[in-house]
Amino acid sequence: MLHPNRRMPFLENKGPSTIMKSILFAVAGICAAAAGWIVWGPKRMEPVQQLAESLEHAWADHHTVA
């Protein structure tokens, strides 16, 4: 546990704008990770698998020889 009077070396010699940038990048990273999890989550693969199976059946039904 941090003592209230203990210095934080990662915050030393940095101005307020640098600290705000660090916080902004951390929040942006968390939001990007959440968006990626929503977009590329496991449920997204189910429709792709269904489309692949329907394409396979359609190809077998309408296969032509050139």
C-alpha atoms as a PDB file:
ATOM      1  CA  MET A   1       0.000   0.000   0.000  1.00  0.00           C
ATOM      2  CA  LEU A   2       1.285   3.472  -0.797  1.00  0.00           C
ATOM      3  CA  HIS A   3       2.068   5.792   2.041  1.00  0.00           C
ATOM      4  CA  PRO A   4       0.366   9.205   1.616  1.00  0.00           C
ATOM      5  CA  ASN A   5       3.739  10.998   1.678  1.00  0.00           C
ATOM      6  CA  ARG A   6       5.496   8.593  -0.697  1.00  0.00           C
ATOM      7  CA  ARG A   7       6.513  10.003  -4.059  1.00  0.00           C
ATOM      8  CA  MET A   8       5.413   8.338  -7.251  1.00  0.00           C
ATOM      9  CA  PRO A   9       8.477   8.157  -9.518  1.00  0.00           C
ATOM     10  CA  PHE A  10       6.430   7.745 -12.685  1.00  0.00           C
ATOM     11  CA  LEU A  11       4.770  11.120 -12.033  1.00  0.00           C
ATOM     12  CA  GLU A  12       7.906  13.078 -11.117  1.00  0.00           C
ATOM     13  CA  ASN A  13       9.169  15.815 -13.424  1.00  0.00           C
ATOM     14  CA  LYS A  14       6.054  15.707 -15.558  1.00  0.00           C
ATOM     15  CA  GLY A  15       3.707  18.565 -16.118  1.00  0.00           C
ATOM     16  CA  PRO A  16      -0.059  18.443 -15.923  1.00  0.00           C
ATOM     17  CA  SER A  17      -0.406  18.124 -19.700  1.00  0.00           C
ATOM     18  CA  THR A  18       1.765  14.977 -19.753  1.00  0.00           C
ATOM     19  CA  ILE A  19      -0.310  13.410 -16.998  1.00  0.00           C
ATOM     20  CA  MET A  20      -3.522  14.275 -18.847  1.00  0.00           C
ATOM     21  CA  LYS A  21      -2.126  12.720 -22.030  1.00  0.00           C
ATOM     22  CA  SER A  22      -1.299   9.543 -20.126  1.00  0.00           C
ATOM     23  CA  ILE A  23      -4.810   9.358 -18.713  1.00  0.00           C
ATOM     24  CA  LEU A  24      -6.329  10.081 -22.129  1.00  0.00           C
ATOM     25  CA  PHE A  25      -4.279   7.322 -23.790  1.00  0.00           C
ATOM     26  CA  ALA A  26      -5.234   4.864 -21.049  1.00  0.00           C
ATOM     27  CA  VAL A  27      -8.947   5.638 -21.446  1.00  0.00           C
ATOM     28  CA  ALA A  28      -8.659   5.440 -25.251  1.00  0.00           C
ATOM     29  CA  GLY A  29      -6.925   2.071 -24.968  1.00  0.00           C
ATOM     30  CA  ILE A  30      -9.636   0.690 -22.716  1.00  0.00           C
ATOM     31  CA  CYS A  31     -12.338   1.957 -25.084  1.00  0.00           C
ATOM     32  CA  ALA A  32     -10.532   0.449 -28.087  1.00  0.00           C
ATOM     33  CA  ALA A  33     -10.246  -2.894 -26.321  1.00  0.00           C
ATOM     34  CA  ALA A  34     -13.955  -2.852 -25.445  1.00  0.00           C
ATOM     35  CA  ALA A  35     -14.916  -1.946 -29.019  1.00  0.00           C
ATOM     36  CA  GLY A  36     -12.698  -4.710 -30.392  1.00  0.00           C
ATOM     37  CA  TRP A  37     -14.226  -7.228 -28.020  1.00  0.00           C
ATOM     38  CA  ILE A  38     -17.736  -6.203 -29.108  1.00  0.00           C
ATOM     39  CA  VAL A  39     -16.957  -6.230 -32.837  1.00  0.00           C
ATOM     40  CA  TRP A  40     -14.733  -9.315 -32.978  1.00  0.00           C
ATOM     41  CA  GLY A  41     -16.350 -11.312 -30.197  1.00  0.00           C
ATOM     42  CA  PRO A  42     -17.191 -15.011 -30.462  1.00  0.00           C
ATOM     43  CA  LYS A  43     -20.786 -14.395 -31.598  1.00  0.00           C
ATOM     44  CA  ARG A  44     -19.532 -12.794 -34.802  1.00  0.00           C
ATOM     45  CA  MET A  45     -18.122 -16.131 -35.990  1.00  0.00           C
ATOM     46  CA  GLU A  46     -21.472 -17.947 -35.892  1.00  0.00           C
ATOM     47  CA  PRO A  47     -23.034 -16.102 -38.879  1.00  0.00           C
ATOM     48  CA  VAL A  48     -19.829 -16.558 -40.879  1.00  0.00           C
ATOM     49  CA  GLN A  49     -19.934 -20.290 -40.202  1.00  0.00           C
ATOM     50  CA  GLN A  50     -23.584 -20.424 -41.276  1.00  0.00           C
ATOM     51  CA  LEU A  51     -22.772 -18.526 -44.477  1.00  0.00           C
ATOM     52  CA  ALA A  52     -19.924 -20.903 -45.234  1.00  0.00           C
ATOM     53  CA  GLU A  53     -22.207 -23.906 -44.805  1.00  0.00           C
ATOM     54  CA  SER A  54     -24.929 -22.404 -47.005  1.00  0.00           C
ATOM     55  CA  LEU A  55     -22.341 -21.579 -49.675  1.00  0.00           C
ATOM     56  CA  GLU A  56     -21.082 -25.147 -49.526  1.00  0.00           C
ATOM     57  CA  HIS A  57     -24.619 -26.491 -50.049  1.00  0.00           C
ATOM     58  CA  ALA A  58     -25.296 -24.026 -52.871  1.00  0.00           C
ATOM     59  CA  TRP A  59     -22.026 -24.959 -54.577  1.00  0.00           C
ATOM     60  CA  ALA A  60     -22.902 -28.658 -54.357  1.00  0.00           C
ATOM     61  CA  ASP A  61     -26.402 -28.043 -55.792  1.00  0.00           C
ATOM     62  CA  HIS A  62     -25.339 -25.837 -58.712  1.00  0.00           C
ATOM     63  CA  HIS A  63     -21.892 -27.114 -59.580  1.00  0.00           C
ATOM     64  CA  THR A  64     -21.104 -26.690 -63.273  1.00  0.00           C
ATOM     65  CA  VAL A  65     -18.207 -27.944 -65.334  1.00  0.00           C
ATOM     66  CA  ALA A  66     -16.533 -25.474 -67.674  1.00  0.00           C
END
